[in-house]
C-alpha atoms as a PDB file:
ATOM      1  CA  UNK A   1      23.821 -28.242  21.428  1.00  0.00           C
ATOM      2  CA  UNK A   2      24.057 -30.753  24.242  1.00  0.00           C
ATOM      3  CA  UNK A   3      26.628 -32.951  24.087  1.00  0.00           C
ATOM      4  CA  UNK A   4      24.199 -35.696  23.849  1.00  0.00           C
ATOM      5  CA  UNK A   5      23.070 -34.077  21.196  1.00  0.00           C
ATOM      6  CA  UNK A   6      26.008 -33.617  19.629  1.00  0.00           C
ATOM      7  CA  UNK A   7      26.877 -37.312  19.879  1.00  0.00           C
ATOM      8  CA  UNK A   8      23.752 -38.649  18.474  1.00  0.00           C
ATOM      9  CA  UNK A   9      24.681 -35.939  15.323  1.00  0.00           C
ATOM     10  CA  UNK A  10      27.843 -37.382  14.981  1.00  0.00           C
ATOM     11  CA  UNK A  11      26.374 -40.889  15.261  1.00  0.00           C
ATOM     12  CA  UNK A  12      23.693 -41.038  12.674  1.00  0.00           C
ATOM     13  CA  UNK A  13      25.968 -39.043   9.777  1.00  0.00           C
ATOM     14  CA  UNK A  14      28.592 -41.645  10.678  1.00  0.00           C
ATOM     15  CA  UNK A  15      26.361 -44.219   9.560  1.00  0.00           C
ATOM     16  CA  UNK A  16      25.145 -42.496   6.832  1.00  0.00           C
ATOM     17  CA  UNK A  17      29.124 -42.883   5.656  1.00  0.00           C
ATOM     18  CA  UNK A  18      30.362 -39.540   6.672  1.00  0.00           C
ATOM     19  CA  UNK A  19      33.746 -39.314   6.969  1.00  0.00           C
ATOM     20  CA  UNK A  20      33.804 -36.130   9.349  1.00  0.00           C
ATOM     21  CA  UNK A  21      31.219 -37.390  11.578  1.00  0.00           C
ATOM     22  CA  UNK A  22      33.489 -40.902  11.715  1.00  0.00           C
ATOM     23  CA  UNK A  23      36.986 -38.568  12.289  1.00  0.00           C
ATOM     24  CA  UNK A  24      35.214 -36.946  15.429  1.00  0.00           C
ATOM     25  CA  UNK A  25      33.802 -39.996  16.718  1.00  0.00           C
ATOM     26  CA  UNK A  26      37.119 -41.847  16.708  1.00  0.00           C
ATOM     27  CA  UNK A  27      38.849 -38.766  18.409  1.00  0.00           C
ATOM     28  CA  UNK A  28      36.551 -38.510  20.850  1.00  0.00           C
ATOM     29  CA  UNK A  29      36.555 -42.109  21.715  1.00  0.00           C
ATOM     30  CA  UNK A  30      40.213 -42.321  21.454  1.00  0.00           C
ATOM     31  CA  UNK A  31      40.257 -39.436  24.580  1.00  0.00           C
ATOM     32  CA  UNK A  32      37.072 -39.794  26.219  1.00  0.00           C
ATOM     33  CA  UNK A  33      35.464 -36.687  24.837  1.00  0.00           C
ATOM     34  CA  UNK A  34      32.393 -35.383  23.085  1.00  0.00           C
ATOM     35  CA  UNK A  35      30.171 -37.372  25.951  1.00  0.00           C
ATOM     36  CA  UNK A  36      31.634 -41.124  25.214  1.00  0.00           C
ATOM     37  CA  UNK A  37      33.773 -43.133  27.546  1.00  0.00           C
ATOM     38  CA  UNK A  38      36.980 -43.907  26.522  1.00  0.00           C
ATOM     39  CA  UNK A  39      37.471 -46.627  24.407  1.00  0.00           C
ATOM     40  CA  UNK A  40      40.267 -47.328  21.698  1.00  0.00           C
ATOM     41  CA  UNK A  41      39.078 -50.613  20.274  1.00  0.00           C
ATOM     42  CA  UNK A  42      35.841 -48.561  18.982  1.00  0.00           C
ATOM     43  CA  UNK A  43      38.579 -45.265  17.875  1.00  0.00           C
ATOM     44  CA  UNK A  44      40.497 -48.075  15.690  1.00  0.00           C
ATOM     45  CA  UNK A  45      37.443 -49.801  14.047  1.00  0.00           C
ATOM     46  CA  UNK A  46      36.234 -46.112  13.418  1.00  0.00           C
ATOM     47  CA  UNK A  47      39.552 -45.165  11.319  1.00  0.00           C
ATOM     48  CA  UNK A  48      38.923 -48.742   9.565  1.00  0.00           C
ATOM     49  CA  UNK A  49      35.739 -47.538   8.591  1.00  0.00           C
ATOM     50  CA  UNK A  50      37.232 -43.956   7.442  1.00  0.00           C
ATOM     51  CA  UNK A  51      39.556 -45.993   5.186  1.00  0.00           C
ATOM     52  CA  UNK A  52      36.879 -47.491   3.501  1.00  0.00           C
ATOM     53  CA  UNK A  53      35.597 -46.275  -0.609  1.00  0.00           C
ATOM     54  CA  UNK A  54      32.522 -45.716   0.206  1.00  0.00           C
ATOM     55  CA  UNK A  55      33.246 -42.887   2.601  1.00  0.00           C
ATOM     56  CA  UNK A  56      31.875 -39.180   1.940  1.00  0.00           C
ATOM     57  CA  UNK A  57      33.419 -36.214   2.815  1.00  0.00           C
ATOM     58  CA  UNK A  58      31.402 -32.707   3.106  1.00  0.00           C
ATOM     59  CA  UNK A  59      34.848 -30.602   3.981  1.00  0.00           C
ATOM     60  CA  UNK A  60      33.844 -29.992   7.457  1.00  0.00           C
ATOM     61  CA  UNK A  61      37.242 -29.709   7.980  1.00  0.00           C
ATOM     62  CA  UNK A  62      40.320 -29.396   5.797  1.00  0.00           C
ATOM     63  CA  UNK A  63      42.033 -31.986   3.861  1.00  0.00           C
ATOM     64  CA  UNK A  64      45.197 -31.082   6.095  1.00  0.00           C
ATOM     65  CA  UNK A  65      43.338 -30.974   9.383  1.00  0.00           C
ATOM     66  CA  UNK A  66      41.349 -34.683   9.076  1.00  0.00           C
ATOM     67  CA  UNK A  67      44.533 -35.900   7.388  1.00  0.00           C
ATOM     68  CA  UNK A  68      46.370 -34.897  10.683  1.00  0.00           C
ATOM     69  CA  UNK A  69      43.762 -35.900  12.786  1.00  0.00           C
ATOM     70  CA  UNK A  70      43.316 -39.292  11.358  1.00  0.00           C
ATOM     71  CA  UNK A  71      47.402 -39.683  11.841  1.00  0.00           C
ATOM     72  CA  UNK A  72      46.960 -39.032  15.666  1.00  0.00           C
ATOM     73  CA  UNK A  73      44.439 -40.891  16.625  1.00  0.00           C
ATOM     74  CA  UNK A  74      45.796 -44.263  14.837  1.00  0.00           C
ATOM     75  CA  UNK A  75      49.224 -43.128  16.376  1.00  0.00           C
ATOM     76  CA  UNK A  76      47.888 -42.867  20.225  1.00  0.00           C
ATOM     77  CA  UNK A  77      46.132 -46.732  19.200  1.00  0.00           C
ATOM     78  CA  UNK A  78      49.115 -48.233  17.879  1.00  0.00           C
ATOM     79  CA  UNK A  79      50.966 -46.580  21.271  1.00  0.00           C
ATOM     80  CA  UNK A  80      48.808 -48.081  23.356  1.00  0.00           C
ATOM     81  CA  UNK A  81      48.892 -51.576  21.834  1.00  0.00           C
ATOM     82  CA  UNK A  82      52.331 -51.789  22.282  1.00  0.00           C
ATOM     83  CA  UNK A  83      52.081 -50.218  25.737  1.00  0.00           C
ATOM     84  CA  UNK A  84      49.917 -53.498  26.852  1.00  0.00           C
ATOM     85  CA  UNK A  85      51.873 -55.705  24.295  1.00  0.00           C
ATOM     86  CA  UNK A  86      50.888 -59.505  23.212  1.00  0.00           C
ATOM     87  CA  UNK A  87      49.824 -62.387  25.565  1.00  0.00           C
ATOM     88  CA  UNK A  88      52.324 -63.730  27.960  1.00  0.00           C
ATOM     89  CA  UNK A  89      50.254 -67.334  26.410  1.00  0.00           C
ATOM     90  CA  UNK A  90      50.811 -65.724  22.742  1.00  0.00           C
ATOM     91  CA  UNK A  91      51.445 -68.829  19.807  1.00  0.00           C
ATOM     92  CA  UNK A  92      54.576 -67.953  17.849  1.00  0.00           C
ATOM     93  CA  UNK A  93      54.431 -66.856  13.837  1.00  0.00           C
ATOM     94  CA  UNK A  94      57.052 -66.493  11.338  1.00  0.00           C
ATOM     95  CA  UNK A  95      56.964 -63.683   8.561  1.00  0.00           C
ATOM     96  CA  UNK A  96      59.615 -63.306   5.715  1.00  0.00           C
ATOM     97  CA  UNK A  97      61.970 -60.687   5.881  1.00  0.00           C
ATOM     98  CA  UNK A  98      63.231 -58.961   2.223  1.00  0.00           C
ATOM     99  CA  UNK A  99      66.125 -56.518   2.864  1.00  0.00           C
ATOM    100  CA  UNK A 100      65.796 -55.867  -0.955  1.00  0.00           C
ATOM    101  CA  UNK A 101      62.022 -54.823  -0.357  1.00  0.00           C
ATOM    102  CA  UNK A 102      62.622 -52.768   2.375  1.00  0.00           C
ATOM    103  CA  UNK A 103      59.073 -50.720   3.666  1.00  0.00           C
ATOM    104  CA  UNK A 104      60.790 -47.995   5.665  1.00  0.00           C
ATOM    105  CA  UNK A 105      59.591 -44.761   3.819  1.00  0.00           C
ATOM    106  CA  UNK A 106      62.361 -43.519   4.784  1.00  0.00           C
ATOM    107  CA  UNK A 107      64.299 -43.618   1.430  1.00  0.00           C
ATOM    108  CA  UNK A 108      67.987 -42.541   1.309  1.00  0.00           C
ATOM    109  CA  UNK A 109      67.722 -40.748   4.637  1.00  0.00           C
ATOM    110  CA  UNK A 110      70.330 -41.803   7.422  1.00  0.00           C
ATOM    111  CA  UNK A 111      69.563 -42.163  10.731  1.00  0.00           C
ATOM    112  CA  UNK A 112      71.893 -41.011  14.044  1.00  0.00           C
ATOM    113  CA  UNK A 113      72.124 -43.899  16.117  1.00  0.00           C
ATOM    114  CA  UNK A 114      72.862 -42.185  19.251  1.00  0.00           C
ATOM    115  CA  UNK A 115      70.032 -39.110  18.861  1.00  0.00           C
ATOM    116  CA  UNK A 116      68.145 -40.505  16.148  1.00  0.00           C
ATOM    117  CA  UNK A 117      68.158 -37.933  14.044  1.00  0.00           C
ATOM    118  CA  UNK A 118      67.354 -38.078  10.575  1.00  0.00           C
ATOM    119  CA  UNK A 119      69.167 -36.849   7.641  1.00  0.00           C
ATOM    120  CA  UNK A 120      69.804 -37.389   3.763  1.00  0.00           C
ATOM    121  CA  UNK A 121      72.650 -39.691   2.584  1.00  0.00           C
ATOM    122  CA  UNK A 122      76.207 -36.925   2.561  1.00  0.00           C
ATOM    123  CA  UNK A 123      74.345 -34.175   4.878  1.00  0.00           C
ATOM    124  CA  UNK A 124      77.238 -34.448   7.754  1.00  0.00           C
ATOM    125  CA  UNK A 125      76.240 -38.014   8.880  1.00  0.00           C
ATOM    126  CA  UNK A 126      79.856 -39.897   9.477  1.00  0.00           C
ATOM    127  CA  UNK A 127      80.417 -43.951   9.861  1.00  0.00           C
ATOM    128  CA  UNK A 128      81.615 -45.873  12.902  1.00  0.00           C
ATOM    129  CA  UNK A 129      84.889 -46.440  11.906  1.00  0.00           C
ATOM    130  CA  UNK A 130      84.992 -49.784  13.746  1.00  0.00           C
ATOM    131  CA  UNK A 131      81.648 -51.443  12.610  1.00  0.00           C
ATOM    132  CA  UNK A 132      81.261 -49.415   9.292  1.00  0.00           C
ATOM    133  CA  UNK A 133      77.630 -49.706   9.891  1.00  0.00           C
ATOM    134  CA  UNK A 134      76.463 -47.378  12.432  1.00  0.00           C
ATOM    135  CA  UNK A 135      75.916 -43.765  11.455  1.00  0.00           C
ATOM    136  CA  UNK A 136      76.498 -40.612  14.029  1.00  0.00           C
ATOM    137  CA  UNK A 137      75.027 -36.505  13.397  1.00  0.00           C
ATOM    138  CA  UNK A 138      78.369 -35.752  15.554  1.00  0.00           C
ATOM    139  CA  UNK A 139      81.297 -36.585  17.571  1.00  0.00           C
ATOM    140  CA  UNK A 140      79.236 -35.686  20.778  1.00  0.00           C
ATOM    141  CA  UNK A 141      76.263 -38.474  19.786  1.00  0.00           C
ATOM    142  CA  UNK A 142      78.996 -41.107  18.668  1.00  0.00           C
ATOM    143  CA  UNK A 143      80.564 -40.328  22.122  1.00  0.00           C
ATOM    144  CA  UNK A 144      77.165 -40.289  24.368  1.00  0.00           C
ATOM    145  CA  UNK A 145      76.598 -43.678  21.855  1.00  0.00           C
ATOM    146  CA  UNK A 146      79.901 -45.596  22.735  1.00  0.00           C
ATOM    147  CA  UNK A 147      78.874 -47.324  26.235  1.00  0.00           C
ATOM    148  CA  UNK A 148      75.795 -48.884  24.418  1.00  0.00           C
ATOM    149  CA  UNK A 149      77.658 -49.857  21.293  1.00  0.00           C
ATOM    150  CA  UNK A 150      80.915 -51.089  22.303  1.00  0.00           C
ATOM    151  CA  UNK A 151      79.635 -54.260  22.234  1.00  0.00           C
ATOM    152  CA  UNK A 152      77.560 -53.936  18.851  1.00  0.00           C
ATOM    153  CA  UNK A 153      80.599 -52.435  17.267  1.00  0.00           C
ATOM    154  CA  UNK A 154      82.998 -55.364  18.177  1.00  0.00           C
ATOM    155  CA  UNK A 155      80.658 -57.732  17.061  1.00  0.00           C
ATOM    156  CA  UNK A 156      80.342 -55.801  13.740  1.00  0.00           C
ATOM    157  CA  UNK A 157      84.052 -55.663  13.320  1.00  0.00           C
ATOM    158  CA  UNK A 158      85.587 -57.486  10.112  1.00  0.00           C
ATOM    159  CA  UNK A 159      87.299 -59.687  12.986  1.00  0.00           C
ATOM    160  CA  UNK A 160      83.356 -60.703  13.896  1.00  0.00           C
ATOM    161  CA  UNK A 161      81.539 -63.719  13.091  1.00  0.00           C
ATOM    162  CA  UNK A 162      80.608 -63.333  10.057  1.00  0.00           C
ATOM    163  CA  UNK A 163      76.424 -64.624  10.928  1.00  0.00           C
ATOM    164  CA  UNK A 164      76.417 -62.148  13.811  1.00  0.00           C
ATOM    165  CA  UNK A 165      77.984 -59.172  11.489  1.00  0.00           C
ATOM    166  CA  UNK A 166      75.122 -60.352   8.323  1.00  0.00           C
ATOM    167  CA  UNK A 167      72.840 -59.643  10.938  1.00  0.00           C
ATOM    168  CA  UNK A 168      73.397 -56.136  12.198  1.00  0.00           C
ATOM    169  CA  UNK A 169      73.999 -55.123   8.812  1.00  0.00           C
ATOM    170  CA  UNK A 170      71.427 -56.811   6.372  1.00  0.00           C
ATOM    171  CA  UNK A 171      68.795 -53.579   5.941  1.00  0.00           C
ATOM    172  CA  UNK A 172      65.850 -53.587   8.155  1.00  0.00           C
ATOM    173  CA  UNK A 173      66.368 -56.897  10.221  1.00  0.00           C
ATOM    174  CA  UNK A 174      67.373 -55.495  13.313  1.00  0.00           C
ATOM    175  CA  UNK A 175      64.852 -52.921  13.903  1.00  0.00           C
ATOM    176  CA  UNK A 176      62.720 -55.652  12.766  1.00  0.00           C
ATOM    177  CA  UNK A 177      63.716 -57.858  15.437  1.00  0.00           C
ATOM    178  CA  UNK A 178      63.686 -55.601  17.942  1.00  0.00           C
ATOM    179  CA  UNK A 179      60.228 -54.305  17.322  1.00  0.00           C
ATOM    180  CA  UNK A 180      59.283 -57.688  17.037  1.00  0.00           C
ATOM    181  CA  UNK A 181      60.744 -58.877  20.295  1.00  0.00           C
ATOM    182  CA  UNK A 182      58.748 -55.983  21.991  1.00  0.00           C
ATOM    183  CA  UNK A 183      55.571 -57.021  20.811  1.00  0.00           C
ATOM    184  CA  UNK A 184      55.462 -60.000  22.059  1.00  0.00           C
ATOM    185  CA  UNK A 185      57.977 -59.523  25.559  1.00  0.00           C
ATOM    186  CA  UNK A 186      55.057 -60.540  27.832  1.00  0.00           C
ATOM    187  CA  UNK A 187      55.826 -64.295  25.926  1.00  0.00           C
ATOM    188  CA  UNK A 188      59.544 -63.472  26.969  1.00  0.00           C
ATOM    189  CA  UNK A 189      60.351 -64.669  23.116  1.00  0.00           C
ATOM    190  CA  UNK A 190      63.691 -65.478  21.697  1.00  0.00           C
ATOM    191  CA  UNK A 191      63.440 -64.594  17.819  1.00  0.00           C
ATOM    192  CA  UNK A 192      64.451 -67.294  15.446  1.00  0.00           C
ATOM    193  CA  UNK A 193      66.338 -65.950  11.659  1.00  0.00           C
ATOM    194  CA  UNK A 194      67.028 -68.681   9.102  1.00  0.00           C
ATOM    195  CA  UNK A 195      67.541 -68.699   5.741  1.00  0.00           C
ATOM    196  CA  UNK A 196      67.752 -72.080   3.203  1.00  0.00           C
ATOM    197  CA  UNK A 197      70.770 -73.426   1.769  1.00  0.00           C
ATOM    198  CA  UNK A 198      71.725 -72.891  -1.506  1.00  0.00           C
ATOM    199  CA  UNK A 199      69.910 -69.060  -0.667  1.00  0.00           C
ATOM    200  CA  UNK A 200      71.611 -65.862  -1.045  1.00  0.00           C
ATOM    201  CA  UNK A 201      69.916 -64.522   2.048  1.00  0.00           C
ATOM    202  CA  UNK A 202      67.651 -62.199   0.215  1.00  0.00           C
ATOM    203  CA  UNK A 203      64.471 -63.566   1.467  1.00  0.00           C
ATOM    204  CA  UNK A 204      64.522 -64.885   5.283  1.00  0.00           C
ATOM    205  CA  UNK A 205      62.678 -65.811   7.906  1.00  0.00           C
ATOM    206  CA  UNK A 206      61.888 -63.947  10.864  1.00  0.00           C
ATOM    207  CA  UNK A 207      59.580 -66.783  13.600  1.00  0.00           C
ATOM    208  CA  UNK A 208      59.014 -65.520  16.869  1.00  0.00           C
ATOM    209  CA  UNK A 209      59.356 -68.332  19.436  1.00  0.00           C
ATOM    210  CA  UNK A 210      57.578 -67.723  22.779  1.00  0.00           C
ATOM    211  CA  UNK A 211      59.213 -69.235  26.057  1.00  0.00           C
ATOM    212  CA  UNK A 212      56.676 -71.878  26.317  1.00  0.00           C
ATOM    213  CA  UNK A 213      57.171 -73.302  22.570  1.00  0.00           C
ATOM    214  CA  UNK A 214      60.764 -73.378  23.225  1.00  0.00           C
ATOM    215  CA  UNK A 215      61.524 -76.861  24.275  1.00  0.00           C
ATOM    216  CA  UNK A 216      60.272 -77.796  21.174  1.00  0.00           C
ATOM    217  CA  UNK A 217      63.497 -77.140  19.433  1.00  0.00           C
ATOM    218  CA  UNK A 218      67.030 -78.919  20.285  1.00  0.00           C
ATOM    219  CA  UNK A 219      68.792 -75.910  21.148  1.00  0.00           C
ATOM    220  CA  UNK A 220      65.835 -74.624  23.439  1.00  0.00           C
ATOM    221  CA  UNK A 221      67.532 -76.733  26.034  1.00  0.00           C
ATOM    222  CA  UNK A 222      70.720 -75.900  25.524  1.00  0.00           C
ATOM    223  CA  UNK A 223      69.707 -71.993  25.919  1.00  0.00           C
ATOM    224  CA  UNK A 224      68.156 -72.887  29.071  1.00  0.00           C
ATOM    225  CA  UNK A 225      71.325 -74.456  30.552  1.00  0.00           C
ATOM    226  CA  UNK A 226      73.116 -71.293  30.588  1.00  0.00           C
ATOM    227  CA  UNK A 227      73.732 -68.675  33.125  1.00  0.00           C
ATOM    228  CA  UNK A 228      72.874 -65.939  30.606  1.00  0.00           C
ATOM    229  CA  UNK A 229      70.398 -66.716  29.217  1.00  0.00           C
ATOM    230  CA  UNK A 230      68.853 -68.562  32.261  1.00  0.00           C
ATOM    231  CA  UNK A 231      68.566 -65.697  33.237  1.00  0.00           C
ATOM    232  CA  UNK A 232      66.481 -63.936  30.530  1.00  0.00           C
ATOM    233  CA  UNK A 233      64.003 -66.461  30.602  1.00  0.00           C
ATOM    234  CA  UNK A 234      63.354 -66.762  34.130  1.00  0.00           C
ATOM    235  CA  UNK A 235      62.626 -63.218  34.452  1.00  0.00           C
ATOM    236  CA  UNK A 236      61.931 -61.811  30.845  1.00  0.00           C
ATOM    237  CA  UNK A 237      63.160 -58.468  28.906  1.00  0.00           C
ATOM    238  CA  UNK A 238      60.950 -56.310  30.777  1.00  0.00           C
ATOM    239  CA  UNK A 239      62.517 -56.930  34.287  1.00  0.00           C
ATOM    240  CA  UNK A 240      66.041 -57.164  33.464  1.00  0.00           C
ATOM    241  CA  UNK A 241      67.936 -53.604  33.937  1.00  0.00           C
ATOM    242  CA  UNK A 242      68.046 -53.165  30.269  1.00  0.00           C
ATOM    243  CA  UNK A 243      65.344 -54.568  27.781  1.00  0.00           C
ATOM    244  CA  UNK A 244      66.668 -57.807  26.548  1.00  0.00           C
ATOM    245  CA  UNK A 245      66.362 -59.604  23.473  1.00  0.00           C
ATOM    246  CA  UNK A 246      67.576 -62.816  22.456  1.00  0.00           C
ATOM    247  CA  UNK A 247      68.385 -64.038  18.537  1.00  0.00           C
ATOM    248  CA  UNK A 248      68.830 -67.272  17.123  1.00  0.00           C
ATOM    249  CA  UNK A 249      70.318 -67.204  13.962  1.00  0.00           C
ATOM    250  CA  UNK A 250      70.680 -70.563  11.714  1.00  0.00           C
ATOM    251  CA  UNK A 251      71.675 -68.686   8.571  1.00  0.00           C
ATOM    252  CA  UNK A 252      72.387 -71.720   6.330  1.00  0.00           C
ATOM    253  CA  UNK A 253      73.455 -69.416   3.365  1.00  0.00           C
ATOM    254  CA  UNK A 254      76.726 -68.047   5.558  1.00  0.00           C
ATOM    255  CA  UNK A 255      77.589 -71.532   7.378  1.00  0.00           C
ATOM    256  CA  UNK A 256      75.807 -74.764   6.039  1.00  0.00           C
ATOM    257  CA  UNK A 257      74.211 -76.360   9.051  1.00  0.00           C
ATOM    258  CA  UNK A 258      76.555 -74.259  12.300  1.00  0.00           C
ATOM    259  CA  UNK A 259      73.956 -72.325  14.551  1.00  0.00           C
ATOM    260  CA  UNK A 260      74.085 -69.242  16.646  1.00  0.00           C
ATOM    261  CA  UNK A 261      72.515 -67.683  19.871  1.00  0.00           C
ATOM    262  CA  UNK A 262      73.103 -64.520  21.523  1.00  0.00           C
ATOM    263  CA  UNK A 263      71.593 -61.797  23.537  1.00  0.00           C
ATOM    264  CA  UNK A 264      71.523 -57.880  22.640  1.00  0.00           C
ATOM    265  CA  UNK A 265      71.566 -55.434  25.698  1.00  0.00           C
ATOM    266  CA  UNK A 266      70.759 -51.479  25.918  1.00  0.00           C
ATOM    267  CA  UNK A 267      68.348 -50.635  23.193  1.00  0.00           C
ATOM    268  CA  UNK A 268      69.199 -47.048  21.798  1.00  0.00           C
ATOM    269  CA  UNK A 269      66.279 -45.377  23.827  1.00  0.00           C
ATOM    270  CA  UNK A 270      67.317 -47.203  27.339  1.00  0.00           C
ATOM    271  CA  UNK A 271      69.214 -44.682  29.566  1.00  0.00           C
ATOM    272  CA  UNK A 272      70.819 -45.781  32.812  1.00  0.00           C
ATOM    273  CA  UNK A 273      70.102 -42.123  34.015  1.00  0.00           C
ATOM    274  CA  UNK A 274      66.411 -42.285  33.929  1.00  0.00           C
ATOM    275  CA  UNK A 275      64.220 -44.394  36.259  1.00  0.00           C
ATOM    276  CA  UNK A 276      62.779 -47.533  35.010  1.00  0.00           C
ATOM    277  CA  UNK A 277      59.030 -46.295  34.408  1.00  0.00           C
ATOM    278  CA  UNK A 278      61.225 -43.179  32.134  1.00  0.00           C
ATOM    279  CA  UNK A 279      63.257 -45.908  30.352  1.00  0.00           C
ATOM    280  CA  UNK A 280      59.965 -47.849  29.611  1.00  0.00           C
ATOM    281  CA  UNK A 281      57.976 -44.452  28.546  1.00  0.00           C
ATOM    282  CA  UNK A 282      60.926 -43.649  26.269  1.00  0.00           C
ATOM    283  CA  UNK A 283      61.061 -47.056  24.453  1.00  0.00           C
ATOM    284  CA  UNK A 284      57.660 -47.468  23.849  1.00  0.00           C
ATOM    285  CA  UNK A 285      57.747 -43.972  22.072  1.00  0.00           C
ATOM    286  CA  UNK A 286      60.383 -45.068  20.482  1.00  0.00           C
ATOM    287  CA  UNK A 287      58.723 -48.531  19.052  1.00  0.00           C
ATOM    288  CA  UNK A 288      55.424 -46.369  18.308  1.00  0.00           C
ATOM    289  CA  UNK A 289      57.844 -44.193  15.625  1.00  0.00           C
ATOM    290  CA  UNK A 290      59.235 -47.286  14.610  1.00  0.00           C
ATOM    291  CA  UNK A 291      56.088 -49.575  13.929  1.00  0.00           C
ATOM    292  CA  UNK A 292      54.069 -46.203  11.987  1.00  0.00           C
ATOM    293  CA  UNK A 293      56.675 -44.384  10.662  1.00  0.00           C
ATOM    294  CA  UNK A 294      60.045 -46.092   9.910  1.00  0.00           C
ATOM    295  CA  UNK A 295      59.018 -49.788   9.448  1.00  0.00           C
ATOM    296  CA  UNK A 296      55.341 -49.369   8.398  1.00  0.00           C
ATOM    297  CA  UNK A 297      54.645 -52.352  10.565  1.00  0.00           C
ATOM    298  CA  UNK A 298      51.115 -51.267  11.787  1.00  0.00           C
ATOM    299  CA  UNK A 299      49.845 -54.431  10.798  1.00  0.00           C
ATOM    300  CA  UNK A 300      51.944 -56.850  13.008  1.00  0.00           C
ATOM    301  CA  UNK A 301      51.003 -54.776  15.892  1.00  0.00           C
ATOM    302  CA  UNK A 302      47.575 -54.955  15.552  1.00  0.00           C
ATOM    303  CA  UNK A 303      47.462 -58.905  14.607  1.00  0.00           C
ATOM    304  CA  UNK A 304      49.313 -59.639  17.897  1.00  0.00           C
ATOM    305  CA  UNK A 305      48.492 -57.186  20.410  1.00  0.00           C
ATOM    306  CA  UNK A 306      45.048 -56.400  22.137  1.00  0.00           C
ATOM    307  CA  UNK A 307      42.871 -53.765  23.105  1.00  0.00           C
ATOM    308  CA  UNK A 308      39.815 -55.949  24.779  1.00  0.00           C
ATOM    309  CA  UNK A 309      41.026 -54.787  28.748  1.00  0.00           C
ATOM    310  CA  UNK A 310      38.402 -54.064  31.097  1.00  0.00           C
ATOM    311  CA  UNK A 311      40.674 -50.963  32.488  1.00  0.00           C
ATOM    312  CA  UNK A 312      41.994 -48.259  30.210  1.00  0.00           C
ATOM    313  CA  UNK A 313      44.743 -47.196  31.812  1.00  0.00           C
ATOM    314  CA  UNK A 314      46.475 -51.037  32.152  1.00  0.00           C
ATOM    315  CA  UNK A 315      49.746 -50.890  33.245  1.00  0.00           C
ATOM    316  CA  UNK A 316      52.824 -51.611  30.876  1.00  0.00           C
ATOM    317  CA  UNK A 317      53.640 -55.374  31.601  1.00  0.00           C
ATOM    318  CA  UNK A 318      49.728 -56.069  32.361  1.00  0.00           C
ATOM    319  CA  UNK A 319      48.522 -58.533  30.083  1.00  0.00           C
ATOM    320  CA  UNK A 320      45.112 -59.354  28.530  1.00  0.00           C
ATOM    321  CA  UNK A 321      44.338 -62.244  30.070  1.00  0.00           C
ATOM    322  CA  UNK A 322      40.871 -62.407  27.059  1.00  0.00           C
ATOM    323  CA  UNK A 323      43.081 -63.283  24.366  1.00  0.00           C
ATOM    324  CA  UNK A 324      43.514 -66.532  22.635  1.00  0.00           C
ATOM    325  CA  UNK A 325      47.129 -65.414  20.732  1.00  0.00           C
ATOM    326  CA  UNK A 326      47.713 -65.195  16.802  1.00  0.00           C
ATOM    327  CA  UNK A 327      47.830 -68.336  15.241  1.00  0.00           C
ATOM    328  CA  UNK A 328      51.304 -69.932  14.146  1.00  0.00           C
ATOM    329  CA  UNK A 329      52.077 -68.919  10.326  1.00  0.00           C
ATOM    330  CA  UNK A 330      55.187 -69.234   8.272  1.00  0.00           C
ATOM    331  CA  UNK A 331      55.944 -67.473   5.160  1.00  0.00           C
ATOM    332  CA  UNK A 332      53.386 -64.247   5.366  1.00  0.00           C
ATOM    333  CA  UNK A 333      54.299 -60.440   5.661  1.00  0.00           C
ATOM    334  CA  UNK A 334      54.482 -58.825   9.198  1.00  0.00           C
ATOM    335  CA  UNK A 335      50.869 -59.191  10.868  1.00  0.00           C
ATOM    336  CA  UNK A 336      49.077 -60.651   8.277  1.00  0.00           C
ATOM    337  CA  UNK A 337      45.513 -61.555   9.378  1.00  0.00           C
ATOM    338  CA  UNK A 338      42.004 -62.057   7.739  1.00  0.00           C
ATOM    339  CA  UNK A 339      39.712 -59.450   7.073  1.00  0.00           C
ATOM    340  CA  UNK A 340      37.078 -59.452   9.396  1.00  0.00           C
ATOM    341  CA  UNK A 341      32.942 -58.649   8.534  1.00  0.00           C
ATOM    342  CA  UNK A 342      31.451 -55.307   9.103  1.00  0.00           C
ATOM    343  CA  UNK A 343      29.578 -55.441  12.322  1.00  0.00           C
ATOM    344  CA  UNK A 344      26.031 -53.681  11.871  1.00  0.00           C
ATOM    345  CA  UNK A 345      26.633 -50.336  13.952  1.00  0.00           C
ATOM    346  CA  UNK A 346      29.701 -50.725  13.709  1.00  0.00           C
ATOM    347  CA  UNK A 347      30.252 -47.232  12.849  1.00  0.00           C
ATOM    348  CA  UNK A 348      30.628 -45.906  16.326  1.00  0.00           C
ATOM    349  CA  UNK A 349      26.918 -46.344  17.733  1.00  0.00           C
ATOM    350  CA  UNK A 350      26.657 -46.536  21.478  1.00  0.00           C
ATOM    351  CA  UNK A 351      27.598 -43.747  23.625  1.00  0.00           C
ATOM    352  CA  UNK A 352      28.461 -44.411  27.054  1.00  0.00           C
ATOM    353  CA  UNK A 353      28.453 -47.817  28.642  1.00  0.00           C
END
């Protein structure tokens, strides 16, 4: 059987809702094999078809094999989406972060802030005695992470500002902000976090404010006048020595009407001993892991990034000019988007273009 015959067989079977055939086609399109050009958008559509209740399985592969193939393909697509990022002219959006209902499957596990190794609670992890927030699996990891953690540790110290301490200790919030800022890095965002007076801080609103919308806020003008934040707005996070994000806190449940603006540099996966390209790869891998494994934030990645580019080998910092950006919403779950109707023939037909 030729590649062309095999492709025709899988496409015909996929049109009959064969999960096995859709899985193989998704792998083909994700990797540019089996007689088709690489097409991640089509591979992603096939993965969506696989999850439909009408999908039929003929046991061509074991459940473990197909689960692994599908998971790997989905992760490769999210990795590529994150590598490209969102559009520079994308609109801002909001979502509610509920620290009481974290979506991490890590359960009771701790994560070493140095090497990111995971371990169950009480399995040898030691808490930083300065901030009482970060955990380490060894003295070596803590020592290696100190140049990065030093500034953060001072902010989390009992004498630090109460709102910044709250931000860094709120379950899941710091990781959610890093991922959201990374998704939208091409728009040079500021991440606003707000609570309402009388609220206990258990449900807070996270808002992505791209640079082109910043002057809509009173504090946006002030940010544009200060040297550190002015450099960020001029260069963007991806063009600084270390990936940088800026956060605006308006947490009324802690301090009334006071507002705080600060920047954070030196993400865990940025290593000054490595090249810029190596660090970009490490950072993208870390964000993929956060989205797919730790935070389960795939929906947000898909809603605010785009695969529709002419060149599949687009550079990490090149935006897709064809996207109009995501609509602004408030109070929704991360990355929530309307379900689109299934197009006729969407199960991978077409072959090479």
